N, C-alpha and C. Protein backbone atom coordinates (compact mmCIF):
# COMPACT_ATOMS: atom_id res chain seq x y z
N MET A 1 29.04 71.81 126.66
CA MET A 1 27.70 70.95 127.37
C MET A 1 28.22 69.77 128.04
N LEU A 2 29.00 68.99 127.57
CA LEU A 2 29.84 67.74 128.08
C LEU A 2 30.73 68.19 129.57
N GLY A 3 31.39 69.13 129.75
CA GLY A 3 32.04 69.97 130.75
C GLY A 3 30.88 69.98 131.66
N ILE A 4 29.65 70.70 131.45
CA ILE A 4 29.13 71.39 132.48
C ILE A 4 28.07 69.99 133.18
N MET A 5 28.02 69.04 132.25
CA MET A 5 27.17 67.79 133.00
C MET A 5 28.22 66.66 133.54
N LEU A 6 29.67 67.03 133.11
CA LEU A 6 30.29 65.81 133.59
C LEU A 6 31.19 66.38 135.10
N ALA A 7 31.08 67.31 135.31
CA ALA A 7 31.88 68.24 136.17
C ALA A 7 31.39 67.87 137.57
N ARG A 8 30.24 67.79 137.96
CA ARG A 8 29.88 67.31 139.38
C ARG A 8 30.12 65.70 139.53
N PRO A 9 30.13 65.02 138.91
CA PRO A 9 30.37 63.50 139.10
C PRO A 9 31.65 63.29 138.98
N VAL A 10 32.62 63.89 138.17
CA VAL A 10 34.05 63.49 138.27
C VAL A 10 34.97 64.48 139.34
N ALA A 11 34.11 65.53 140.05
CA ALA A 11 34.26 66.22 141.04
C ALA A 11 34.04 65.29 142.10
N GLY A 12 33.04 64.91 142.26
CA GLY A 12 32.70 63.48 143.60
C GLY A 12 33.35 62.62 143.34
N PHE A 13 33.77 61.90 142.40
CA PHE A 13 34.91 60.91 142.24
C PHE A 13 36.20 61.26 143.02
N ILE A 14 36.73 62.11 142.23
CA ILE A 14 37.73 62.73 142.97
C ILE A 14 37.92 63.15 144.37
N THR A 15 36.86 63.68 145.00
CA THR A 15 36.92 64.00 146.50
C THR A 15 36.50 62.32 147.23
N GLU A 16 36.09 61.24 146.45
CA GLU A 16 35.95 59.93 146.82
C GLU A 16 37.19 59.55 147.32
N LEU A 17 37.81 60.07 146.16
CA LEU A 17 39.45 59.19 145.83
C LEU A 17 40.56 59.91 147.11
N ALA A 18 40.33 61.44 147.05
CA ALA A 18 41.08 62.22 147.89
C ALA A 18 40.54 62.96 148.62
N SER A 19 40.11 64.06 148.83
CA SER A 19 39.58 65.23 149.30
C SER A 19 38.83 66.24 148.57
N TRP A 20 38.01 67.18 149.19
CA TRP A 20 37.52 68.14 148.10
C TRP A 20 38.44 69.39 148.02
N HIS A 21 39.74 69.08 148.79
CA HIS A 21 40.65 70.14 148.49
C HIS A 21 41.37 69.66 147.43
N ALA A 22 41.54 68.58 146.93
CA ALA A 22 42.06 67.93 145.68
C ALA A 22 41.30 68.40 144.78
N VAL A 23 40.20 68.61 144.75
CA VAL A 23 39.04 69.20 143.30
C VAL A 23 39.74 70.63 143.02
N PHE A 24 40.09 71.23 143.92
CA PHE A 24 40.40 72.89 143.97
C PHE A 24 41.80 72.70 143.54
N LEU A 25 42.53 71.82 143.95
CA LEU A 25 44.11 72.04 143.39
C LEU A 25 44.30 71.91 141.97
N LEU A 26 43.45 70.62 141.82
CA LEU A 26 43.98 70.00 140.33
C LEU A 26 42.96 70.89 139.37
N SER A 27 42.04 72.08 139.82
CA SER A 27 41.53 73.09 138.89
C SER A 27 42.20 74.00 138.64
N ALA A 28 43.28 74.47 140.08
CA ALA A 28 44.31 75.47 139.74
C ALA A 28 45.06 74.87 138.99
N VAL A 29 45.80 73.54 139.05
CA VAL A 29 46.81 73.09 138.21
C VAL A 29 46.22 73.16 136.41
N ALA A 30 45.26 72.68 136.52
CA ALA A 30 44.60 73.04 134.86
C ALA A 30 44.17 74.24 134.45
N MET A 31 44.08 75.14 135.26
CA MET A 31 43.99 76.67 135.13
C MET A 31 45.46 76.86 134.56
N LEU A 32 46.39 76.71 135.47
CA LEU A 32 47.66 77.16 135.19
C LEU A 32 48.20 76.53 133.86
N ALA A 33 48.17 75.23 133.52
CA ALA A 33 48.45 74.82 132.39
C ALA A 33 47.92 75.19 131.02
N LEU A 34 46.66 75.62 131.05
CA LEU A 34 45.72 76.44 130.15
C LEU A 34 46.21 77.64 129.94
N ILE A 35 46.89 78.07 131.16
CA ILE A 35 47.38 79.71 130.82
C ILE A 35 48.69 79.70 129.96
N ALA A 36 49.27 78.67 130.48
CA ALA A 36 50.48 78.28 129.57
C ALA A 36 50.69 77.96 128.33
N VAL A 37 49.40 77.08 128.01
CA VAL A 37 49.09 76.73 126.65
C VAL A 37 48.76 77.71 125.58
N LEU A 38 47.71 78.59 126.13
CA LEU A 38 47.26 79.83 125.33
C LEU A 38 48.09 80.99 125.18
N ALA A 39 48.95 81.11 126.06
CA ALA A 39 50.27 82.05 125.79
C ALA A 39 51.70 81.73 125.13
N TYR A 40 51.27 80.39 124.94
CA TYR A 40 52.55 79.83 123.72
C TYR A 40 51.64 79.67 122.38
N ALA A 41 50.09 79.41 122.09
CA ALA A 41 49.84 79.03 120.98
C ALA A 41 49.33 80.51 120.44
N LEU A 42 48.73 81.38 121.62
CA LEU A 42 47.89 82.48 120.60
C LEU A 42 48.78 83.35 120.36
N PRO A 43 48.69 84.22 118.77
CA PRO A 43 49.43 84.82 118.69
C PRO A 43 49.63 86.47 119.10
N ALA A 44 50.62 87.03 119.37
CA ALA A 44 50.79 88.53 119.80
C ALA A 44 49.62 89.35 119.18
N ARG A 45 49.14 89.93 120.00
CA ARG A 45 48.11 90.68 119.35
C ARG A 45 48.85 92.75 119.95
N GLN A 46 48.69 93.15 118.61
CA GLN A 46 49.33 94.72 119.19
C GLN A 46 48.40 95.44 117.91
N PRO A 47 47.17 96.02 118.42
CA PRO A 47 46.47 96.97 117.68
C PRO A 47 47.17 98.18 117.24
N ASP A 48 47.21 98.80 116.06
CA ASP A 48 47.91 99.94 115.63
C ASP A 48 46.57 100.84 115.19
N LEU A 49 45.80 101.03 115.76
CA LEU A 49 44.64 102.03 115.63
C LEU A 49 44.98 103.52 116.11
N GLY A 50 45.82 103.61 117.02
CA GLY A 50 46.36 105.03 117.71
C GLY A 50 45.16 105.64 118.34
N LEU A 51 43.92 105.27 118.49
CA LEU A 51 43.21 105.98 119.24
C LEU A 51 43.28 106.01 120.25
N SER A 52 42.76 107.42 120.95
CA SER A 52 43.03 107.55 122.33
C SER A 52 41.37 107.39 122.84
N TYR A 53 41.37 107.24 124.11
CA TYR A 53 40.25 106.73 124.98
C TYR A 53 38.84 107.26 124.63
N GLY A 54 39.00 108.79 124.67
CA GLY A 54 37.93 109.36 124.42
C GLY A 54 37.37 109.51 122.60
N ASN A 55 38.31 109.22 121.71
CA ASN A 55 37.96 109.00 120.35
C ASN A 55 37.62 107.58 120.10
N LEU A 56 37.91 106.80 120.97
CA LEU A 56 37.60 105.13 121.24
C LEU A 56 35.88 105.13 121.38
N LEU A 57 35.32 106.16 122.19
CA LEU A 57 34.02 105.98 122.75
C LEU A 57 33.61 106.87 121.89
N ILE A 58 33.79 107.89 121.08
CA ILE A 58 33.16 108.64 120.50
C ILE A 58 32.89 107.71 118.88
N SER A 59 33.73 106.91 118.69
CA SER A 59 33.74 105.71 117.49
C SER A 59 32.54 104.57 117.87
N MET A 60 32.41 104.22 119.03
CA MET A 60 31.68 103.61 119.44
C MET A 60 30.11 103.77 119.01
N GLY A 61 29.90 105.35 119.72
CA GLY A 61 28.45 105.91 119.03
C GLY A 61 28.38 106.04 117.79
N ARG A 62 29.34 106.26 116.71
CA ARG A 62 29.37 106.37 115.47
C ARG A 62 29.06 104.99 114.37
N LEU A 63 29.46 103.69 115.42
CA LEU A 63 28.83 102.81 115.04
C LEU A 63 27.54 102.31 115.10
N VAL A 64 26.99 102.56 116.56
CA VAL A 64 25.77 102.41 116.76
C VAL A 64 24.83 102.95 115.86
N ARG A 65 25.13 104.15 115.44
CA ARG A 65 24.38 105.38 114.47
C ARG A 65 24.02 104.75 113.07
N ASP A 66 25.45 104.01 112.21
CA ASP A 66 25.89 103.51 111.46
C ASP A 66 25.73 102.52 110.90
N THR A 67 25.54 101.72 112.04
CA THR A 67 25.27 100.23 111.93
C THR A 67 24.20 99.85 112.37
N PRO A 68 22.98 99.49 111.60
CA PRO A 68 21.50 99.12 111.91
C PRO A 68 21.27 97.72 112.78
N ALA A 69 22.06 96.77 112.82
CA ALA A 69 21.92 95.74 113.52
C ALA A 69 22.36 95.93 115.25
N LEU A 70 23.40 97.14 115.31
CA LEU A 70 23.99 97.52 116.53
C LEU A 70 22.66 98.76 117.24
N ALA A 71 21.95 99.41 115.86
CA ALA A 71 21.07 100.71 116.55
C ALA A 71 19.88 99.93 116.62
N LEU A 72 19.50 98.81 116.36
CA LEU A 72 18.03 98.27 116.36
C LEU A 72 17.88 97.96 117.94
N PRO A 73 18.41 97.15 118.94
CA PRO A 73 18.43 96.82 120.08
C PRO A 73 18.43 98.25 121.07
N CYS A 74 19.69 99.41 120.83
CA CYS A 74 19.18 100.66 121.44
C CYS A 74 17.84 101.32 121.09
N ARG A 75 17.45 101.24 119.89
CA ARG A 75 16.21 102.00 119.84
C ARG A 75 14.98 101.32 120.45
N THR A 76 15.06 99.89 120.66
CA THR A 76 14.35 98.89 121.47
C THR A 76 14.20 99.20 122.64
N VAL A 77 15.62 99.28 123.49
CA VAL A 77 15.41 99.87 124.56
C VAL A 77 14.62 101.02 124.95
N ARG A 78 14.76 101.86 124.30
CA ARG A 78 14.60 103.30 124.27
C ARG A 78 13.02 103.22 124.39
N ARG A 79 12.47 102.74 123.51
CA ARG A 79 10.93 102.33 123.44
C ARG A 79 10.73 101.47 124.50
N LEU A 80 11.25 100.86 125.01
CA LEU A 80 10.99 99.77 126.47
C LEU A 80 10.55 101.22 127.66
N GLN A 81 11.60 101.85 127.79
CA GLN A 81 11.87 103.03 128.58
C GLN A 81 10.73 103.38 128.52
N CYS A 82 10.70 103.99 127.60
CA CYS A 82 9.51 105.18 127.32
C CYS A 82 8.16 104.65 127.54
N LEU A 83 8.21 103.27 127.48
CA LEU A 83 6.78 103.04 127.65
C LEU A 83 6.56 102.43 129.07
N LEU A 84 7.79 102.10 129.96
CA LEU A 84 7.57 101.83 131.49
C LEU A 84 7.88 103.42 132.21
N ASP A 85 8.48 104.29 131.75
CA ASP A 85 8.07 105.99 132.14
C ASP A 85 6.78 106.19 132.06
N ASP A 86 6.13 106.04 131.00
CA ASP A 86 4.77 106.36 130.86
C ASP A 86 4.08 105.98 131.63
N GLY A 87 4.35 104.44 132.11
CA GLY A 87 3.54 103.52 132.91
C GLY A 87 3.85 104.08 133.94
N ALA A 88 4.94 104.42 134.57
CA ALA A 88 5.18 104.99 135.95
C ALA A 88 4.05 106.43 136.35
N ALA A 89 3.80 107.05 135.67
CA ALA A 89 3.66 108.15 135.42
C ALA A 89 2.17 107.92 135.64
N VAL A 90 1.53 107.07 134.75
CA VAL A 90 0.26 106.93 135.08
C VAL A 90 -0.11 106.19 136.64
N ALA A 91 0.65 105.36 136.99
CA ALA A 91 0.45 104.73 137.98
C ALA A 91 0.62 105.69 139.23
N GLY A 92 1.67 106.57 139.04
CA GLY A 92 2.30 107.34 139.85
C GLY A 92 0.89 108.59 140.41
């Protein structure tokens, strides 16, 4: 939240000192530095599931079916779609 609140005043301050180009240049340098730090600090990730893309998509369906917390929003969306479809049929 602090970053969002300070972004405009800091950018305005930098613009007053240099130019608006400096804001973009400093942002680009900060992003490159962040990429370098994260590349060094984060561990290498190599999943060993061995699933093909098709099997991965099928597993997502099983997750929705078997996990109530995931299935509830899907059922809610389906109910809303049915209500909207019925309303459209009545209105049309």
